[in-house]
């Protein structure tokens, strides 16, 4: 999907005047910011998507209609996801009438991609039916964090779970630098979507069918024979370290906001103990494979209680 096409191939592409997109992905993947970048909207504070919402705007020669759907927790399975989130994901397709040209699955490069993420994505994307994969493009967000590493090198280094996901999407992917004001990355994305529309037309969900992920293929992707215990351990530590940094950063930011010049920070043993307990609690949760879900569920409940 990254290679250049011949002039003859370019002449066969369908030139669209309108492009309809459905954004999907886990909570905090940068999905909503990806939508802002596509529509040329300046990035503001992080916003939470509670309901599927339609946004549109003229982008170059295309009128882009974009539906942003609520995200799921990245290490959660479908049974753990609130029913209202599932309903909003499926409702998003109906907001793209007659159907989206492409479903953009946003995957953050700031998080190590594991077999748990693969299973979670599979279950949530299958809400739209097995044909969803023919129309899905993986968009890697936060590629700024890769620094000198290319997205191809990142993919190669992440292992079999991510390779299997890309294979399922026919190796269609794109990369975004969230903090870069580079319109070329948007133009290249929309040109890829034109090619997808040429090959696949538009997406119509068929939830009555079942997804034909061959069990032996999935098993092979989950536990590849070439992946050593050492590699599994390294990936596990990498993910936990990233989560630890994010959690400690949240705690420090909360403390910083609570302090002011007129009221110096509390340096007492009680305050230190409170911070230490927060970090210790979080570490215990991670030891059992948990995820910081407090913000996800509390925000969701308060949003719908106000409806």
Protein backbone atom coordinates (compact mmCIF):
# COMPACT_ATOMS: atom_id res chain seq x y z
CA UNK A 1 0.00 0.00 0.00
CA UNK A 2 3.01 2.25 0.42
CA UNK A 3 4.55 1.58 -2.98
CA UNK A 4 4.17 3.95 -5.93
CA UNK A 5 1.75 2.95 -8.69
CA UNK A 6 2.34 3.09 -12.41
CA UNK A 7 0.78 5.76 -14.63
CA UNK A 8 -1.44 3.09 -16.21
CA UNK A 9 -2.72 2.04 -12.78
CA UNK A 10 -3.33 5.66 -11.78
CA UNK A 11 -5.51 6.14 -14.87
CA UNK A 12 -7.82 3.35 -13.64
CA UNK A 13 -8.55 4.87 -10.23
CA UNK A 14 -12.03 6.22 -9.54
CA UNK A 15 -11.82 9.96 -8.88
CA UNK A 16 -14.20 10.63 -6.01
CA UNK A 17 -15.69 14.01 -5.20
CA UNK A 18 -16.97 12.83 -1.81
CA UNK A 19 -15.20 10.48 0.62
CA UNK A 20 -17.04 8.92 3.56
CA UNK A 21 -14.95 7.61 6.46
CA UNK A 22 -15.67 5.74 9.69
CA UNK A 23 -13.09 6.13 12.47
CA UNK A 24 -12.67 3.24 14.91
CA UNK A 25 -10.09 2.40 17.55
CA UNK A 26 -9.37 2.08 21.22
CA UNK A 27 -9.71 4.80 23.86
CA UNK A 28 -6.75 7.25 23.84
CA UNK A 29 -5.45 6.04 20.46
CA UNK A 30 -5.63 9.58 19.05
CA UNK A 31 -8.67 8.72 16.94
CA UNK A 32 -10.49 12.03 17.35
CA UNK A 33 -7.32 14.01 16.71
CA UNK A 34 -6.85 11.99 13.50
CA UNK A 35 -10.29 13.23 12.43
CA UNK A 36 -9.27 16.80 13.22
CA UNK A 37 -6.11 16.45 11.14
CA UNK A 38 -8.02 15.04 8.16
CA UNK A 39 -10.50 17.94 8.25
CA UNK A 40 -7.78 20.54 8.82
CA UNK A 41 -9.06 21.50 12.28
CA UNK A 42 -6.40 22.89 14.68
CA UNK A 43 -5.69 20.47 17.50
CA UNK A 44 -7.04 21.53 20.87
CA UNK A 45 -7.39 19.71 24.17
CA UNK A 46 -8.07 15.99 24.13
CA UNK A 47 -11.78 15.30 23.67
CA UNK A 48 -13.67 12.16 24.52
CA UNK A 49 -16.12 10.75 21.96
CA UNK A 50 -19.23 9.43 23.73
CA UNK A 51 -21.56 9.08 20.75
CA UNK A 52 -20.95 8.56 17.06
CA UNK A 53 -20.80 12.00 15.51
CA UNK A 54 -20.65 13.27 11.95
CA UNK A 55 -18.24 15.97 10.85
CA UNK A 56 -17.49 17.11 7.34
CA UNK A 57 -15.48 19.62 5.37
CA UNK A 58 -13.80 20.32 2.07
CA UNK A 59 -10.31 18.84 1.96
CA UNK A 60 -8.52 19.60 -1.31
CA UNK A 61 -10.70 18.28 -4.13
CA UNK A 62 -12.73 16.05 -1.80
CA UNK A 63 -15.77 16.69 0.36
CA UNK A 64 -14.94 14.49 3.35
CA UNK A 65 -17.72 13.16 5.56
CA UNK A 66 -16.26 11.61 8.67
CA UNK A 67 -17.95 9.66 11.48
CA UNK A 68 -16.05 9.37 14.77
CA UNK A 69 -17.14 6.44 16.97
CA UNK A 70 -16.55 5.86 20.73
CA UNK A 71 -13.42 3.90 21.59
CA UNK A 72 -13.05 0.74 23.64
CA UNK A 73 -10.42 -0.03 26.28
CA UNK A 74 -7.38 -1.36 24.46
CA UNK A 75 -7.00 -4.52 26.54
CA UNK A 76 -10.71 -5.24 26.92
CA UNK A 77 -12.83 -7.88 25.24
CA UNK A 78 -16.27 -7.28 23.75
CA UNK A 79 -18.08 -8.65 26.82
CA UNK A 80 -16.38 -5.97 28.95
CA UNK A 81 -17.38 -3.04 26.73
CA UNK A 82 -20.50 -1.06 27.79
CA UNK A 83 -23.53 -1.87 25.64
CA UNK A 84 -24.01 1.78 24.69
CA UNK A 85 -20.50 1.89 23.19
CA UNK A 86 -21.22 -1.21 21.07
CA UNK A 87 -24.47 0.35 19.85
CA UNK A 88 -22.75 3.60 18.92
CA UNK A 89 -20.03 1.80 16.96
CA UNK A 90 -22.62 -0.01 14.83
CA UNK A 91 -24.77 3.14 14.52
CA UNK A 92 -21.78 4.94 13.04
CA UNK A 93 -22.17 3.04 9.76
CA UNK A 94 -25.73 4.31 9.32
CA UNK A 95 -24.43 7.88 9.62
CA UNK A 96 -22.28 7.25 6.52
CA UNK A 97 -25.22 6.60 4.16
CA UNK A 98 -25.07 4.82 1.76
CA UNK A 99 -21.91 3.45 3.39
CA UNK A 100 -18.32 4.40 4.21
CA UNK A 101 -15.67 4.08 1.53
CA UNK A 102 -13.14 3.11 4.20
CA UNK A 103 -13.09 2.20 7.88
CA UNK A 104 -9.99 3.74 9.44
CA UNK A 105 -8.71 1.65 12.35
CA UNK A 106 -6.48 3.91 14.47
CA UNK A 107 -3.58 2.15 16.21
CA UNK A 108 -1.20 4.13 18.41
CA UNK A 109 2.52 3.54 17.91
CA UNK A 110 3.10 4.77 21.49
CA UNK A 111 1.87 1.42 22.84
CA UNK A 112 3.41 -2.00 22.22
CA UNK A 113 0.99 -4.05 20.08
CA UNK A 114 0.30 -7.45 21.62
CA UNK A 115 -1.91 -10.48 21.01
CA UNK A 116 -4.38 -9.04 23.55
CA UNK A 117 -4.79 -5.92 21.40
CA UNK A 118 -5.29 -8.12 18.33
CA UNK A 119 -8.07 -10.10 20.03
CA UNK A 120 -9.72 -6.93 21.31
CA UNK A 121 -9.67 -5.30 17.86
CA UNK A 122 -11.01 -8.44 16.21
CA UNK A 123 -13.98 -8.69 18.56
CA UNK A 124 -14.94 -5.01 18.36
CA UNK A 125 -14.50 -4.69 14.60
CA UNK A 126 -16.60 -7.81 14.07
CA UNK A 127 -19.57 -5.82 15.39
CA UNK A 128 -19.72 -4.57 11.79
CA UNK A 129 -19.62 -8.04 10.23
CA UNK A 130 -16.89 -10.16 8.63
CA UNK A 131 -16.69 -8.06 5.46
CA UNK A 132 -15.32 -5.16 7.48
CA UNK A 133 -11.70 -6.21 6.87
CA UNK A 134 -11.92 -5.74 3.09
CA UNK A 135 -12.68 -2.07 3.73
CA UNK A 136 -10.35 -1.39 6.67
CA UNK A 137 -7.15 0.64 6.58
CA UNK A 138 -4.88 0.71 9.64
CA UNK A 139 -3.75 4.24 10.49
CA UNK A 140 -0.78 4.45 12.83
CA UNK A 141 -1.06 7.52 15.05
CA UNK A 142 1.58 9.24 17.17
CA UNK A 143 4.32 8.37 14.66
CA UNK A 144 6.08 11.47 16.04
CA UNK A 145 7.15 9.22 18.92
CA UNK A 146 9.07 6.95 16.55
CA UNK A 147 11.61 9.74 15.96
CA UNK A 148 14.20 8.32 13.50
CA UNK A 149 12.45 4.94 13.20
CA UNK A 150 10.33 4.54 10.05
CA UNK A 151 6.81 3.11 10.26
CA UNK A 152 8.02 0.09 8.27
CA UNK A 153 10.74 -0.55 10.85
CA UNK A 154 8.17 -0.16 13.62
CA UNK A 155 5.89 -2.74 11.98
CA UNK A 156 8.75 -5.17 11.51
CA UNK A 157 9.81 -4.83 15.14
CA UNK A 158 6.36 -5.23 16.69
CA UNK A 159 6.00 -8.93 15.87
CA UNK A 160 3.41 -11.36 14.63
CA UNK A 161 0.24 -9.93 16.21
CA UNK A 162 0.52 -6.66 14.28
CA UNK A 163 1.65 -8.51 11.14
CA UNK A 164 -1.48 -10.64 11.31
CA UNK A 165 -3.73 -7.58 11.66
CA UNK A 166 -2.15 -5.93 8.61
CA UNK A 167 -2.44 -9.14 6.62
CA UNK A 168 -6.15 -9.23 7.49
CA UNK A 169 -6.43 -5.69 6.07
CA UNK A 170 -4.53 -6.67 2.91
CA UNK A 171 -1.50 -4.66 4.14
CA UNK A 172 -3.33 -1.35 3.83
CA UNK A 173 -1.88 1.17 6.27
CA UNK A 174 -0.93 4.81 6.62
CA UNK A 175 0.92 6.86 9.24
CA UNK A 176 0.15 10.21 10.87
CA UNK A 177 2.35 12.56 12.85
CA UNK A 178 -0.17 14.04 15.29
CA UNK A 179 1.87 17.14 16.10
CA UNK A 180 2.87 17.89 12.51
CA UNK A 181 0.95 20.35 10.35
CA UNK A 182 1.66 18.45 7.15
CA UNK A 183 -1.23 18.42 4.64
CA UNK A 184 0.66 15.92 2.45
CA UNK A 185 -0.06 13.10 4.91
CA UNK A 186 -3.80 13.78 4.54
CA UNK A 187 -3.68 13.98 0.74
CA UNK A 188 -1.78 10.70 0.54
CA UNK A 189 -4.35 9.05 2.83
CA UNK A 190 -7.31 10.21 0.72
CA UNK A 191 -5.59 9.03 -2.46
CA UNK A 192 -5.18 5.57 -0.90
CA UNK A 193 -8.87 5.59 -0.03
CA UNK A 194 -9.72 6.33 -3.67
CA UNK A 195 -7.77 3.19 -4.60
CA UNK A 196 -9.65 1.19 -2.00
CA UNK A 197 -12.97 2.44 -3.42
CA UNK A 198 -11.82 1.44 -6.90
CA UNK A 199 -11.08 -2.10 -5.71
CA UNK A 200 -13.87 -2.64 -3.17
CA UNK A 201 -16.69 -0.12 -3.78
CA UNK A 202 -18.29 0.90 -0.45
CA UNK A 203 -18.89 -1.00 2.78
CA UNK A 204 -22.24 -2.59 3.60
CA UNK A 205 -22.34 -4.35 6.98
CA UNK A 206 -23.55 -7.96 7.07
CA UNK A 207 -23.63 -8.99 10.70
CA UNK A 208 -25.52 -12.22 9.93
CA UNK A 209 -22.36 -13.85 8.61
CA UNK A 210 -19.48 -14.96 10.79
CA UNK A 211 -15.88 -13.93 10.43
CA UNK A 212 -13.74 -16.64 8.87
CA UNK A 213 -10.55 -16.16 10.86
CA UNK A 214 -9.07 -19.65 10.53
CA UNK A 215 -8.50 -20.96 14.04
CA UNK A 216 -5.09 -22.38 13.25
CA UNK A 217 -3.99 -19.09 11.68
CA UNK A 218 -5.11 -17.13 14.71
CA UNK A 219 -3.34 -19.57 17.00
CA UNK A 220 -0.18 -19.20 14.95
CA UNK A 221 -0.42 -15.41 15.16
CA UNK A 222 -1.00 -15.52 18.89
CA UNK A 223 1.86 -17.90 19.68
CA UNK A 224 4.32 -17.86 16.78
CA UNK A 225 6.91 -20.64 16.93
CA UNK A 226 9.71 -18.21 16.11
CA UNK A 227 8.93 -15.87 19.00
CA UNK A 228 11.09 -16.72 22.00
CA UNK A 229 10.17 -16.35 25.65
CA UNK A 230 12.72 -13.56 25.83
CA UNK A 231 10.91 -11.59 23.08
CA UNK A 232 7.59 -12.09 24.82
CA UNK A 233 9.11 -10.85 28.07
CA UNK A 234 10.62 -7.77 26.37
CA UNK A 235 7.26 -6.85 24.81
CA UNK A 236 5.52 -7.32 28.16
CA UNK A 237 8.02 -5.06 29.95
CA UNK A 238 7.83 -2.44 27.20
CA UNK A 239 4.07 -2.14 27.52
CA UNK A 240 4.13 -2.02 31.30
CA UNK A 241 6.86 0.65 31.29
CA UNK A 242 4.84 2.86 28.92
CA UNK A 243 1.75 2.50 31.09
CA UNK A 244 3.78 3.29 34.22
CA UNK A 245 5.13 6.54 32.74
CA UNK A 246 1.63 7.65 31.71
CA UNK A 247 0.18 6.84 35.13
CA UNK A 248 2.92 8.65 37.08
CA UNK A 249 2.57 11.62 34.73
CA UNK A 250 -1.16 11.82 35.53
CA UNK A 251 -0.45 11.80 39.26
CA UNK A 252 2.19 14.54 38.95
CA UNK A 253 -0.07 16.72 36.82
CA UNK A 254 -2.88 16.44 39.37
CA UNK A 255 -0.48 17.45 42.14
CA UNK A 256 0.88 20.36 40.12
CA UNK A 257 -2.64 21.70 39.51
CA UNK A 258 -3.42 21.43 43.21
CA UNK A 259 -0.47 23.69 44.13
CA UNK A 260 -0.09 27.45 43.68
CA UNK A 261 2.46 30.16 44.51
CA UNK A 262 0.28 31.50 47.33
CA UNK A 263 -0.10 28.00 48.72
CA UNK A 264 3.19 26.06 48.60
CA UNK A 265 3.04 22.31 47.88
CA UNK A 266 2.46 20.07 50.87
CA UNK A 267 5.74 18.32 51.62
CA UNK A 268 4.43 16.45 54.65
CA UNK A 269 4.81 12.74 55.13
CA UNK A 270 1.04 12.35 54.65
CA UNK A 271 1.15 13.90 51.18
CA UNK A 272 4.14 11.78 50.19
CA UNK A 273 2.41 8.68 51.50
CA UNK A 274 -0.74 9.50 49.49
CA UNK A 275 1.25 9.72 46.24
CA UNK A 276 3.16 6.57 47.07
CA UNK A 277 -0.09 4.69 47.70
CA UNK A 278 -1.49 5.80 44.35
CA UNK A 279 1.56 4.51 42.49
CA UNK A 280 1.56 1.26 44.52
CA UNK A 281 -2.12 0.67 43.80
CA UNK A 282 -1.57 1.18 40.11
CA UNK A 283 1.38 -1.23 40.09
CA UNK A 284 -0.72 -3.91 41.77
CA UNK A 285 -3.41 -3.49 39.12
CA UNK A 286 -0.83 -3.87 36.35
CA UNK A 287 0.58 -6.99 37.96
CA UNK A 288 -2.71 -8.71 37.22
CA UNK A 289 -2.94 -7.40 33.67
CA UNK A 290 -5.30 -4.58 34.59
CA UNK A 291 -5.74 -1.21 32.92
CA UNK A 292 -6.50 2.22 34.31
CA UNK A 293 -10.23 2.23 33.59
CA UNK A 294 -11.41 4.86 36.08
CA UNK A 295 -11.36 7.76 33.60
CA UNK A 296 -13.01 5.66 30.89
CA UNK A 297 -16.00 4.52 32.95
CA UNK A 298 -16.49 7.63 35.10
CA UNK A 299 -16.55 9.94 32.06
CA UNK A 300 -18.88 7.59 30.21
CA UNK A 301 -21.36 7.36 33.10
CA UNK A 302 -21.41 11.13 33.69
CA UNK A 303 -21.91 11.80 29.97
CA UNK A 304 -24.93 9.56 29.62
CA UNK A 305 -26.44 10.61 32.94
CA UNK A 306 -26.61 14.15 31.55
CA UNK A 307 -28.53 13.10 28.45
